Structure formats: structure tokens, C-alpha cells
Protein backbone atom coordinates (compact mmCIF):
# COMPACT_ATOMS: atom_id res chain seq x y z
CA MET A 1 0.00 0.00 0.00
CA THR A 2 1.41 3.42 -1.00
CA GLU A 3 0.30 6.90 0.02
CA THR A 4 0.89 10.41 -1.30
CA ARG A 5 -0.33 13.69 0.11
CA ALA A 6 -3.21 15.34 -1.71
CA GLU A 7 -4.80 18.70 -1.34
CA ARG A 8 -7.67 17.19 0.57
CA GLY A 9 -7.03 14.02 2.54
CA HIS A 10 -4.77 11.34 1.10
CA THR A 11 -4.59 9.49 -2.17
CA LEU A 12 -3.72 5.83 -1.67
CA THR A 13 -3.46 2.68 -3.72
CA THR A 14 -4.67 -0.42 -1.93
CA ASP A 15 -5.43 -4.08 -2.57
CA ILE A 16 -7.66 -4.51 0.52
CA PRO A 17 -10.96 -4.99 -1.40
CA ALA A 18 -9.32 -7.66 -3.58
CA ARG A 19 -7.85 -9.34 -0.50
CA LEU A 20 -11.30 -9.59 1.06
CA ASP A 21 -12.86 -10.96 -2.13
CA ARG A 22 -10.23 -13.70 -2.66
CA LEU A 23 -10.78 -15.24 0.79
CA PRO A 24 -12.20 -18.79 0.90
CA TRP A 25 -15.23 -19.41 3.11
CA SER A 26 -14.18 -19.83 6.74
CA ARG A 27 -15.34 -19.88 10.35
CA TRP A 28 -14.71 -16.15 10.44
CA HIS A 29 -17.38 -15.61 7.77
CA TRP A 30 -19.82 -17.67 9.83
CA THR A 31 -19.16 -15.26 12.70
CA ILE A 32 -20.28 -12.40 10.44
CA VAL A 33 -23.40 -14.28 9.35
CA ILE A 34 -24.38 -15.09 12.94
CA GLY A 35 -23.52 -11.69 14.35
CA LEU A 36 -25.28 -9.65 11.67
CA GLY A 37 -27.85 -11.95 10.10
CA THR A 38 -29.71 -13.01 13.22
CA VAL A 39 -31.39 -9.62 13.57
CA TRP A 40 -33.84 -10.49 10.77
CA ILE A 41 -35.04 -13.32 12.98
CA LEU A 42 -36.14 -10.63 15.44
CA ASP A 43 -37.91 -8.68 12.69
CA GLY A 44 -39.73 -11.82 11.57
CA LEU A 45 -40.71 -12.58 15.13
CA GLU A 46 -42.07 -9.04 15.63
CA VAL A 47 -44.20 -8.95 12.49
CA THR A 48 -45.54 -12.47 12.89
CA VAL A 49 -46.38 -12.24 16.57
CA VAL A 50 -48.41 -9.08 16.07
CA GLY A 51 -50.32 -10.59 13.15
CA ASN A 52 -51.14 -13.75 15.08
CA ILE A 53 -52.06 -12.18 18.42
CA ALA A 54 -54.25 -9.47 16.87
CA GLY A 55 -57.39 -11.40 17.73
CA ARG A 56 -56.33 -11.95 21.33
CA LEU A 57 -55.29 -8.34 21.96
CA SER A 58 -58.72 -7.16 20.82
CA GLU A 59 -60.54 -9.49 23.22
CA PRO A 60 -61.83 -8.27 26.60
CA GLY A 61 -59.37 -9.02 29.38
CA SER A 62 -56.24 -8.63 27.22
CA GLY A 63 -55.17 -5.54 29.15
CA LEU A 64 -55.55 -3.25 26.12
CA SER A 65 -58.55 -1.45 24.68
CA ILE A 66 -57.81 -2.01 21.00
CA SER A 67 -59.52 -3.58 17.98
CA SER A 68 -58.14 -6.22 15.62
CA GLY A 69 -58.34 -3.73 12.75
CA GLN A 70 -56.25 -1.21 14.71
CA ILE A 71 -53.56 -3.83 15.27
CA THR A 72 -53.36 -5.13 11.68
CA GLY A 73 -53.96 -1.64 10.27
CA ILE A 74 -52.76 1.27 12.42
CA ALA A 75 -50.16 -0.58 14.51
CA ALA A 76 -48.80 -2.38 11.46
CA ALA A 77 -48.58 0.84 9.48
CA LEU A 78 -46.87 2.63 12.38
CA TYR A 79 -44.31 -0.17 12.66
CA VAL A 80 -43.51 0.17 8.96
CA ALA A 81 -43.54 3.98 9.16
CA GLY A 82 -41.05 3.74 12.02
CA ALA A 83 -38.88 1.41 9.95
CA CYS A 84 -38.94 3.85 6.99
CA THR A 85 -38.08 6.82 9.20
CA GLY A 86 -35.39 4.86 11.00
CA ALA A 87 -33.85 3.67 7.75
CA LEU A 88 -33.41 7.26 6.51
CA PHE A 89 -32.23 8.62 9.86
CA TRP A 90 -29.78 5.84 10.68
CA GLY A 91 -28.78 5.24 7.05
CA ARG A 92 -27.27 8.69 6.79
CA LEU A 93 -25.32 8.14 10.01
CA THR A 94 -24.16 4.71 8.82
CA ASP A 95 -22.34 6.30 5.89
CA ARG A 96 -20.92 9.01 8.15
CA TRP A 97 -20.07 7.16 11.37
CA GLY A 98 -19.44 3.64 10.10
CA ARG A 99 -21.25 0.33 9.91
CA LYS A 100 -20.32 -1.11 13.31
CA LYS A 101 -21.27 1.87 15.45
CA LEU A 102 -24.71 2.01 13.86
CA PHE A 103 -25.54 -1.70 13.91
CA MET A 104 -24.83 -1.61 17.66
CA ILE A 105 -26.92 1.52 18.29
CA THR A 106 -29.92 0.46 16.20
CA LEU A 107 -30.11 -2.95 17.86
CA ALA A 108 -30.09 -1.25 21.26
CA VAL A 109 -32.98 0.99 20.16
CA TYR A 110 -34.95 -2.07 19.08
CA LEU A 111 -34.20 -3.85 22.36
CA VAL A 112 -35.52 -1.00 24.53
CA ALA A 113 -38.59 -0.34 22.36
CA THR A 114 -39.78 -3.94 22.17
CA ALA A 115 -39.26 -4.36 25.92
CA LEU A 116 -41.47 -1.31 26.54
CA THR A 117 -44.10 -2.71 24.14
CA ALA A 118 -44.40 -5.66 26.51
CA VAL A 119 -45.62 -3.40 29.32
CA SER A 120 -48.26 -1.59 27.21
CA PHE A 121 -51.19 -0.39 29.28
CA SER A 122 -52.99 1.69 26.64
CA SER A 123 -53.40 1.69 22.87
CA TRP A 124 -51.39 4.93 22.48
CA TRP A 125 -48.45 3.37 24.36
CA PHE A 126 -48.66 0.26 22.17
CA PHE A 127 -48.75 2.38 19.00
CA LEU A 128 -45.83 4.56 20.14
CA PHE A 129 -43.49 1.68 20.86
CA ARG A 130 -44.51 -0.22 17.74
CA PHE A 131 -43.29 2.86 15.86
CA LEU A 132 -40.03 3.00 17.85
CA THR A 133 -39.45 -0.74 17.43
CA GLY A 134 -39.72 -0.24 13.68
CA PHE A 135 -37.44 2.81 14.00
CA GLY A 136 -34.66 0.60 15.33
CA ILE A 137 -35.25 -2.22 12.84
CA GLY A 138 -35.24 0.23 9.92
CA GLY A 139 -31.76 1.38 10.84
CA GLU A 140 -30.61 -2.21 10.93
CA TYR A 141 -31.49 -2.70 7.25
CA ALA A 142 -29.02 -0.05 6.09
CA ALA A 143 -26.19 -0.86 8.53
CA ILE A 144 -26.41 -4.65 8.25
CA ASN A 145 -26.76 -4.97 4.48
CA SER A 146 -23.87 -2.53 3.97
CA ALA A 147 -21.61 -4.46 6.32
CA ILE A 148 -22.54 -7.87 4.90
CA ASP A 149 -21.81 -6.95 1.30
CA GLU A 150 -18.55 -5.24 2.21
CA LEU A 151 -17.25 -8.16 4.30
CA ILE A 152 -18.42 -11.21 2.32
CA PRO A 153 -16.32 -12.35 -0.71
CA ALA A 154 -17.82 -11.58 -4.14
CA LYS A 155 -18.15 -15.29 -4.97
CA TYR A 156 -20.58 -15.86 -2.10
CA ARG A 157 -22.21 -12.43 -1.77
CA GLY A 158 -25.51 -13.24 -3.47
CA ARG A 159 -26.34 -16.46 -1.66
CA VAL A 160 -25.20 -15.13 1.74
CA ASP A 161 -27.14 -11.88 1.40
CA LEU A 162 -30.30 -13.75 0.35
CA ALA A 163 -29.97 -16.34 3.13
CA ILE A 164 -29.48 -13.65 5.76
CA ASN A 165 -32.41 -11.54 4.59
CA GLY A 166 -34.47 -14.72 4.29
CA SER A 167 -33.74 -15.58 7.92
CA PHE A 168 -36.59 -13.16 8.68
CA TRP A 169 -38.77 -16.21 8.15
CA ALA A 170 -36.96 -18.31 10.71
CA GLY A 171 -38.15 -15.64 13.13
CA ALA A 172 -41.60 -15.89 11.61
CA VAL A 173 -41.71 -19.62 12.37
CA VAL A 174 -40.62 -18.95 15.95
CA GLY A 175 -43.15 -16.12 16.21
CA SER A 176 -45.98 -18.33 14.93
CA LEU A 177 -45.26 -21.12 17.37
CA LEU A 178 -44.66 -18.64 20.16
CA ALA A 179 -48.05 -17.07 19.47
CA ILE A 180 -49.70 -20.48 19.83
CA LEU A 181 -48.14 -20.88 23.27
CA ALA A 182 -48.87 -17.30 24.30
CA LEU A 183 -52.53 -17.59 23.30
CA ASN A 184 -53.06 -20.81 25.27
CA GLU A 185 -55.05 -19.64 28.28
CA SER A 186 -54.32 -22.85 30.14
CA VAL A 187 -50.67 -21.78 30.18
CA PHE A 188 -50.83 -17.96 30.42
CA PRO A 189 -53.61 -15.54 31.35
CA LYS A 190 -55.05 -13.38 28.55
CA ASP A 191 -53.19 -10.29 29.70
CA LEU A 192 -49.78 -11.97 30.12
CA GLY A 193 -48.97 -14.34 27.25
CA TRP A 194 -48.74 -11.70 24.53
CA ARG A 195 -46.51 -9.55 26.75
CA LEU A 196 -44.03 -12.38 27.15
CA THR A 197 -43.62 -12.69 23.37
CA PHE A 198 -42.37 -9.09 23.16
CA ALA A 199 -40.18 -9.58 26.22
CA LEU A 200 -38.56 -12.58 24.54
CA GLY A 201 -37.63 -10.35 21.59
CA ALA A 202 -35.75 -8.08 23.98
CA VAL A 203 -33.92 -11.05 25.52
CA LEU A 204 -32.84 -12.35 22.09
CA ALA A 205 -31.67 -8.87 21.09
CA SER A 206 -29.48 -8.74 24.20
CA VAL A 207 -27.79 -11.99 23.21
CA ILE A 208 -27.21 -10.78 19.63
CA LEU A 209 -25.78 -7.53 20.97
CA LEU A 210 -23.12 -9.50 22.85
CA VAL A 211 -22.23 -11.59 19.77
CA ARG A 212 -22.10 -8.54 17.52
CA ARG A 213 -19.29 -6.95 19.53
CA HIS A 214 -16.87 -9.28 17.72
CA VAL A 215 -17.88 -8.14 14.21
CA PRO A 216 -15.32 -5.62 12.88
CA GLU A 217 -15.88 -2.35 11.08
CA SER A 218 -15.93 -2.58 7.29
CA PRO A 219 -12.34 -2.19 6.00
CA ARG A 220 -13.74 -0.65 2.82
CA TRP A 221 -15.44 2.10 4.85
CA LEU A 222 -12.29 2.65 6.92
CA LEU A 223 -10.16 3.07 3.80
CA ILE A 224 -12.28 5.85 2.36
CA HIS A 225 -12.50 7.69 5.68
CA GLY A 226 -8.76 7.97 6.24
CA ARG A 227 -8.37 5.04 8.63
CA GLU A 228 -6.28 2.76 6.41
CA ALA A 229 -4.11 1.53 9.31
CA GLU A 230 -7.20 0.07 11.03
CA ALA A 231 -8.36 -1.45 7.75
CA GLU A 232 -4.98 -3.10 7.22
CA GLU A 233 -4.96 -4.46 10.77
CA ILE A 234 -8.44 -5.97 10.39
CA VAL A 235 -7.76 -7.61 7.03
CA THR A 236 -4.38 -8.97 8.14
CA SER A 237 -6.02 -10.50 11.21
CA ILE A 238 -8.71 -12.14 9.06
CA GLU A 239 -6.09 -13.53 6.67
CA ARG A 240 -4.11 -15.06 9.51
CA LYS A 241 -7.22 -16.76 10.89
CA VAL A 242 -8.18 -18.14 7.46
CA GLU A 243 -4.65 -19.41 6.75
CA ALA A 244 -4.48 -21.07 10.17
CA GLU A 245 -7.83 -22.75 9.52
CA THR A 246 -7.03 -23.96 5.98
CA GLY A 247 -3.35 -24.68 6.53
CA THR A 248 -2.44 -23.11 3.18
CA ALA A 249 -1.19 -19.71 2.09
CA LEU A 250 -3.68 -17.39 0.44
CA PRO A 251 -3.20 -16.50 -3.24
CA ARG A 252 -1.98 -13.04 -4.17
CA PRO A 253 -4.74 -10.47 -4.71
CA GLU A 254 -5.38 -9.80 -8.40
CA SER A 255 -6.15 -6.09 -8.39
CA GLN A 256 -5.63 -2.73 -6.70
CA ILE A 257 -7.65 0.44 -6.50
CA THR A 258 -6.52 4.04 -6.06
CA ILE A 259 -8.80 6.24 -3.99
CA HIS A 260 -8.80 9.79 -2.72
CA GLN A 261 -9.92 9.73 0.90
CA ARG A 262 -12.79 11.97 1.85
CA GLY A 263 -15.34 12.69 4.52
CA SER A 264 -19.06 12.03 4.29
CA VAL A 265 -21.00 12.59 1.08
CA GLY A 266 -23.71 15.27 1.07
CA PHE A 267 -27.35 14.67 0.15
CA GLY A 268 -26.90 16.62 -3.08
CA GLU A 269 -24.12 14.36 -4.32
CA ILE A 270 -26.03 11.25 -3.26
CA ALA A 271 -29.09 12.44 -5.20
CA ARG A 272 -27.04 13.23 -8.31
CA THR A 273 -25.31 9.87 -8.15
CA VAL A 274 -28.47 7.82 -7.69
CA PHE A 275 -30.92 9.72 -9.90
CA SER A 276 -28.60 11.01 -12.63
CA THR A 277 -25.59 8.73 -12.97
CA TYR A 278 -27.54 5.58 -12.08
CA ARG A 279 -31.12 6.49 -12.99
CA LYS A 280 -31.95 3.10 -14.53
CA ARG A 281 -30.69 1.38 -11.40
CA ALA A 282 -32.89 3.72 -9.37
CA VAL A 283 -35.96 2.63 -11.35
CA LEU A 284 -34.98 -0.99 -10.72
CA GLY A 285 -34.61 -0.43 -6.97
CA PHE A 286 -37.97 1.31 -6.65
CA SER A 287 -39.76 -1.37 -8.64
CA LEU A 288 -38.35 -4.26 -6.62
CA PHE A 289 -39.06 -2.66 -3.26
CA ILE A 290 -42.58 -1.48 -4.05
CA GLY A 291 -43.58 -4.90 -5.38
CA GLN A 292 -42.27 -6.93 -2.47
CA ALA A 293 -43.25 -4.38 0.18
CA PHE A 294 -46.92 -4.37 -0.77
CA LEU A 295 -47.08 -8.12 -1.07
CA TYR A 296 -45.41 -8.84 2.25
CA ASN A 297 -46.54 -6.02 4.48
CA ALA A 298 -50.13 -6.17 3.27
CA ILE A 299 -50.66 -9.92 3.07
CA THR A 300 -48.45 -11.01 5.98
CA PHE A 301 -50.02 -8.65 8.49
CA GLY A 302 -53.52 -9.79 7.46
CA PHE A 303 -53.07 -13.53 6.97
CA GLY A 304 -54.42 -14.40 10.40
CA ALA A 305 -57.47 -12.19 9.80
CA ILE A 306 -58.20 -14.03 6.53
CA LEU A 307 -58.15 -17.39 8.28
CA THR A 308 -60.47 -16.27 11.07
CA THR A 309 -62.83 -14.27 8.82
CA PHE A 310 -63.33 -16.71 5.95
CA TYR A 311 -62.53 -20.11 7.44
CA ASP A 312 -63.48 -19.69 11.11
CA VAL A 313 -60.02 -20.70 12.28
CA PRO A 314 -59.75 -19.96 16.03
CA THR A 315 -57.34 -17.14 16.84
CA GLY A 316 -55.28 -19.55 18.94
CA ASN A 317 -54.64 -21.79 15.90
CA THR A 318 -53.62 -19.27 13.22
CA GLY A 319 -49.98 -19.66 14.25
CA TYR A 320 -49.89 -23.23 12.89
CA TYR A 321 -50.87 -22.05 9.43
CA PHE A 322 -48.47 -19.14 9.50
CA ALA A 323 -45.62 -21.42 10.53
CA VAL A 324 -46.18 -23.42 7.34
CA ILE A 325 -45.93 -20.44 4.97
CA ALA A 326 -43.00 -19.11 6.99
CA VAL A 327 -41.12 -22.36 6.34
CA GLY A 328 -41.74 -21.92 2.60
CA ASN A 329 -40.47 -18.36 2.81
CA PHE A 330 -37.34 -19.41 4.67
CA PHE A 331 -36.36 -22.18 2.26
CA GLY A 332 -36.87 -20.01 -0.84
CA PRO A 333 -33.76 -17.81 -0.42
CA LEU A 334 -31.84 -20.65 1.22
CA LEU A 335 -32.30 -23.10 -1.68
CA LEU A 336 -32.40 -20.64 -4.57
CA GLY A 337 -29.69 -18.29 -3.31
CA LYS A 338 -26.78 -20.12 -4.94
CA LEU A 339 -28.41 -19.66 -8.35
CA PHE A 340 -28.18 -15.88 -7.97
CA ASP A 341 -24.38 -16.32 -8.00
CA SER A 342 -24.25 -18.98 -10.74
CA VAL A 343 -27.19 -18.45 -13.12
CA GLY A 344 -27.01 -14.71 -12.48
CA ARG A 345 -28.88 -11.79 -10.98
CA ARG A 346 -31.01 -10.76 -13.98
CA ILE A 347 -32.50 -14.16 -14.72
CA MET A 348 -33.11 -15.08 -11.08
CA ILE A 349 -34.52 -11.75 -9.91
CA SER A 350 -36.94 -11.41 -12.81
CA SER A 351 -38.04 -15.05 -12.71
CA THR A 352 -38.72 -15.15 -8.95
CA TYR A 353 -40.80 -11.97 -9.12
CA LEU A 354 -42.74 -13.04 -12.21
CA LEU A 355 -43.35 -16.59 -11.05
CA SER A 356 -44.59 -15.54 -7.61
CA GLY A 357 -46.91 -12.96 -9.21
CA VAL A 358 -48.41 -15.45 -11.65
CA LEU A 359 -48.90 -18.03 -8.89
CA LEU A 360 -50.59 -15.41 -6.71
CA PHE A 361 -53.00 -14.56 -9.53
CA GLY A 362 -53.84 -18.27 -9.65
CA THR A 363 -54.39 -18.33 -5.89
CA ALA A 364 -56.72 -15.32 -6.13
CA TRP A 365 -58.73 -17.09 -8.85
CA LEU A 366 -59.12 -20.24 -6.75
CA PHE A 367 -60.04 -18.20 -3.68
CA ASP A 368 -62.68 -16.32 -5.65
CA ARG A 369 -64.21 -19.62 -6.89
CA GLY A 370 -64.43 -20.92 -3.33
CA SER A 371 -62.12 -23.81 -4.22
CA LEU A 372 -59.83 -23.33 -1.22
CA ASP A 373 -60.09 -24.10 2.46
CA ALA A 374 -57.72 -22.97 5.20
CA THR A 375 -55.28 -25.80 4.48
CA THR A 376 -55.17 -25.48 0.69
CA LEU A 377 -54.98 -21.67 0.85
CA THR A 378 -51.99 -22.03 3.13
CA ALA A 379 -50.42 -24.54 0.74
CA CYS A 380 -50.88 -22.10 -2.18
CA TRP A 381 -49.34 -19.29 -0.17
CA CYS A 382 -46.42 -21.51 0.79
CA VAL A 383 -45.59 -22.10 -2.89
CA VAL A 384 -46.11 -18.44 -3.86
CA LEU A 385 -43.89 -17.18 -1.08
CA PHE A 386 -41.16 -19.75 -1.70
CA PHE A 387 -40.35 -17.79 -4.87
CA ALA A 388 -41.46 -14.36 -3.61
CA SER A 389 -39.16 -14.58 -0.59
CA ALA A 390 -36.10 -15.14 -2.78
CA GLY A 391 -37.19 -12.21 -4.94
CA ALA A 392 -37.83 -9.94 -1.99
CA SER A 393 -34.45 -10.76 -0.46
CA SER A 394 -32.80 -9.98 -3.80
CA ALA A 395 -34.22 -6.44 -3.62
CA TYR A 396 -32.00 -5.74 -0.59
CA LEU A 397 -29.06 -7.43 -2.29
CA THR A 398 -29.60 -5.35 -5.43
CA VAL A 399 -29.65 -1.87 -3.90
CA SER A 400 -26.74 -2.71 -1.60
CA GLU A 401 -24.39 -3.62 -4.45
CA ILE A 402 -25.33 -1.45 -7.47
CA PHE A 403 -24.49 1.98 -6.02
CA PRO A 404 -21.09 3.41 -5.01
CA MET A 405 -19.53 2.59 -1.66
CA GLU A 406 -19.91 6.12 -0.30
CA THR A 407 -23.68 6.11 -0.85
CA ARG A 408 -24.38 2.45 -0.04
CA ALA A 409 -26.13 2.72 3.33
CA MET A 410 -28.11 5.81 2.35
CA SER A 411 -29.16 4.18 -0.93
CA ILE A 412 -30.41 1.09 0.89
CA ALA A 413 -32.24 3.29 3.36
CA PHE A 414 -33.79 5.49 0.69
CA PHE A 415 -35.09 2.70 -1.54
CA TYR A 416 -36.29 0.69 1.42
CA ALA A 417 -38.05 3.70 2.95
CA LEU A 418 -39.73 4.97 -0.21
CA GLY A 419 -40.64 1.55 -1.57
CA THR A 420 -41.93 0.40 1.80
CA ALA A 421 -43.82 3.66 2.36
CA VAL A 422 -45.72 3.09 -0.87
CA GLY A 423 -46.35 -0.63 -0.39
CA GLY A 424 -45.78 -1.20 3.29
CA ILE A 425 -47.78 1.61 4.88
CA SER A 426 -50.65 1.78 2.41
CA GLY A 427 -50.74 -2.01 2.14
CA PRO A 428 -51.70 -2.87 5.73
CA LEU A 429 -54.19 0.02 5.91
CA VAL A 430 -55.94 -0.99 2.70
CA PHE A 431 -55.72 -4.70 3.33
CA ALA A 432 -57.13 -4.43 6.86
CA ASP A 433 -60.29 -2.83 5.44
CA LEU A 434 -60.57 -5.36 2.62
CA THR A 435 -60.24 -8.44 4.83
CA GLU A 436 -62.42 -7.05 7.62
CA SER A 437 -65.27 -6.51 5.17
CA GLY A 438 -65.80 -10.26 4.93
CA VAL A 439 -66.43 -9.92 1.19
CA VAL A 440 -64.53 -12.45 -0.92
CA GLY A 441 -64.14 -10.03 -3.81
CA ASP A 442 -62.37 -7.47 -1.61
CA THR A 443 -59.72 -9.96 -0.55
CA VAL A 444 -59.34 -11.19 -4.14
CA LEU A 445 -58.68 -7.59 -5.19
CA ALA A 446 -55.91 -7.26 -2.58
CA PHE A 447 -54.31 -10.49 -3.86
CA GLN A 448 -54.48 -9.23 -7.45
CA ILE A 449 -52.88 -5.88 -6.61
CA GLY A 450 -49.97 -7.62 -4.89
CA ALA A 451 -49.61 -10.06 -7.80
CA GLY A 452 -49.70 -7.28 -10.38
CA LEU A 453 -46.99 -5.27 -8.65
CA MET A 454 -44.74 -8.33 -8.37
CA CYS A 455 -45.14 -9.09 -12.08
CA ALA A 456 -44.45 -5.47 -13.01
CA ALA A 457 -41.26 -5.49 -10.93
CA GLY A 458 -40.20 -8.76 -12.55
CA LEU A 459 -40.53 -7.22 -16.02
CA VAL A 460 -38.46 -4.20 -14.95
CA ALA A 461 -35.76 -6.56 -13.60
CA ALA A 462 -35.72 -8.50 -16.87
CA PHE A 463 -34.55 -5.36 -18.66
CA LEU A 464 -32.66 -3.40 -16.00
CA ALA A 465 -31.14 -5.85 -13.49
CA VAL A 466 -27.35 -5.52 -13.18
CA LYS A 467 -25.08 -8.51 -13.76
CA ALA A 468 -23.31 -8.25 -10.41
CA GLU A 469 -22.73 -11.95 -9.79
CA ARG A 470 -19.18 -12.85 -8.67
CA ARG A 471 -18.00 -9.28 -9.33
CA ALA A 472 -16.24 -7.04 -6.81
CA LEU A 473 -18.38 -4.21 -5.46
CA GLU A 474 -15.87 -1.73 -6.87
CA ASP A 475 -16.45 -3.16 -10.37
CA VAL A 476 -20.25 -3.13 -10.10
CA ALA A 477 -20.24 0.56 -9.09
CA ARG A 478 -17.01 2.53 -9.07
CA PRO A 479 -16.42 4.36 -5.75
CA LEU A 480 -16.87 8.14 -5.93
CA SER A 481 -13.49 8.34 -4.19
CA GLU A 482 -11.67 6.36 -6.89
CA VAL A 483 -9.07 8.42 -8.69
CA GLY A 484 -10.13 8.88 -12.31
CA SER A 485 -13.77 7.82 -11.66
């Protein structure tokens, strides 16, 4: 590594990105996956628990004066609104202060907020801390996805990113089964069981916080912000661990990059970069996020209401059905993820979106004909979401790798916030009214809207998706700090 003085900061030539990308998979990478990826389990637990305990919270004796519609509508929308706000707020700080500092802070915010949700005594308190819980989770999206992509070798980036984002559904399975236990009045009183589910989220967050202390700052971020000595120390330490584990010397890195170190990037430069230099990629990001956000935030929050409204499934049993579709969601990214690195981003992103949309149209048609019962509807959803989950996870992968390093966290935050605001806030509000009406045609319409948006996003991806598979982040989008860029 060589350095020369420049008028502003330093100009340096480094091989650190190439050294990170040429690493074989090791125990150290598993540490990153466990330390950073497990937070989506908490998000899945949060969303699923609320959807499944909506009926119980609205019952007399729950300890709260709140309706089922307020939980699946207002509370769900506030959670998503908090996540959107948090993504923008924390995303900006992630690019300025670093990945590690922010993924520690945002997890702490989540921990406190979900613990205070557990002691809710009034609907306004419940709504407030649902918003703040989302506020913490939203910040996690930007900090975690930035760190993952910058630490994981290019060869494995797609499958790892998809698997980690898909782990949301492992939390959904836990949340579904936990809701069954919490709603069993022979085990817990009406006003206690649901509180314990939120308290468990806080306990799990505390454990993750302890594990996460061992995850380092992104060397790529350190390089650009004038902390190359720290970056070198971190990468050298990783290399020693990998060589000790494999018993062989690592190959020489194949490339170098010359960058001009700088401070944080202003909003004006971020906007010009995203909407002028990379305008087609911006259209792609919006399309993917809007499609998946409406589908998941609208349908997932209301699935329990559909079962109870149309199939008379007791509120205490909805968790069994949700656990089934959560398993399908979890295995989608896990089993299909490798194809995003081998077959390629464009084919896999477009096909998962289109296929899930077409299958959802078919499910809506069967539902409208009255051909489905609670079990077969759940089976249909399991198949739809097997593909949709891989597609939705690829939206986070896409926006985290197709924009320059200096704007990465803010880009993730912006596309997540705007896409989710369109599909994730309006979705639960609209869907709550449609499912509560008890009219089959209303629910069919909601299914069709979600299916249409997924298909539209799939068509956009077919034309605009970036071939980022097995390529270094610096090749997919040249850093703004690169000399000559």
C-alpha cells in the first residue's frame, strides 16, 4: 500500500478490497453471518407475533382497549412507518459514522422499544413503541446490508445476502409457534402471554448484541474515511485466521484500486449519483421494493385475519398455518440463493418476481371460486412465497451492491423507505379494510394488486437488473473516491 499527500485528505493505492474478495469461506465468515444476520429473525418474530395475536389483543381481558383492525392496520402501518423513518435517519449516520457503530446503536434501540411494548397499558403506548421498534429495525437494514456486502467475498455475496435476509422467516416460524403458546389460556392468562412474546424479543436482542461486539468495522469504509491503518490491521487479522484454519497460504490479490480519501457525502451528491448517474438502477430499486413491500406487508399482516374471517379458524390456531408459509419463505432464499451467483442476478430476480406474481393470480382465482379451504390456501401461499421470498431478499441485495460505496447505506435506506412507504404503509391500511369486510371479492382484489406489482417489478428486472454476480463491489459501481472515476 502506497500513500501520497493530496490537497484534501490522502490518495492511496490499496489491494484490501481484492484481498477480502479472494478469501475462501471460513469460520470467520460464519461469525459475520451469525452476528449480523440473526437480527432479521427478530424482525420476523415481531411482524408475525403481532399478526397472530391481533385477535387476542382485541378481546376483553387482554389488558388493552384495541380492535383487531387497529392492530393489523394502524399498529402495522406505524411499525412500517417507524422502519422507513429509522432507515433514513440511521442510514445517513451509517455512511458518516461507520457500519459497526450504527448496527450496535440500532439494535439497542430495538431492544428498549420492544421491551417497553411488553408493558403496554394503553393503545397509544402500544402504537408509540410499535413505531419506535420499527425505527430501530429500519436502521438495521441499512447498517447490516452494507456491512454484509462489504465483508463477504464476491463469490458468495448473493447467496449469503439472500440467506441472511431470508432468515426473517426463521423468526416468523418462531413467532408463529410462540403465538400459539402465548394464546393458550391454560398456560398464560389473557393479559400476560402476549406480553411475554415481546419480552422474549428483547432477551434475544441482548444476546445478539453480545455476539455482535466481535464483528469488525468494514475495511472498505475505513479506507475511504482515512483510517487505512485500522483497515490493514483488520484484514491482516482475518487472513491469519483463514490461513491457520485452511493450513495453506492465500493467493496473491489480483487487483488494486486508487482512492482519494474523503469525509461524508452530502445529500446533493447522493441524489445526483443515484438519480442522474444511475437512474436506470434507481428505477430498478424502486420497482423491486414497491412490489415486495406491498405483497409482504399487506398480506403477511392480514393472513391471520383471513383465516379467522373466511374459514373460522380460532385465533389460537392461526400460528400453525403461518408457521407453514414461513417455512416456505425461509427455504426459498436458502435453496435458490446459490443460483443468484451462478445463473445470475437478472434471470433469477426477474423469474422469482414473475413466477410468484403469476402463482398469486392463480391463488386469487381459486379463492374467488371458493375452491380453497384454510389448508389449501396455506399450501398455495407456501408455494407463492417460496419464490417471492427469494425475490424480496434480492431487492435488498440489489440496492446494496449497485451503487457506489460512499452512498451504499443511504441508498439502501432510501429505496427501502420509499418503496416500503408506498407498499408497506398503504398495504396494511388498505388490506385491513378489505379483509375485515368479509367480502370475498375485496380480498381477491388485494391479492391481485400484490400479484400485479410483483409481475411489473419482474418485467423491470428482466430489462434493468445488473449482472453483479461474482463481481467485486468496486467493479459493479465505481467508488466516488476512486481516482479517475
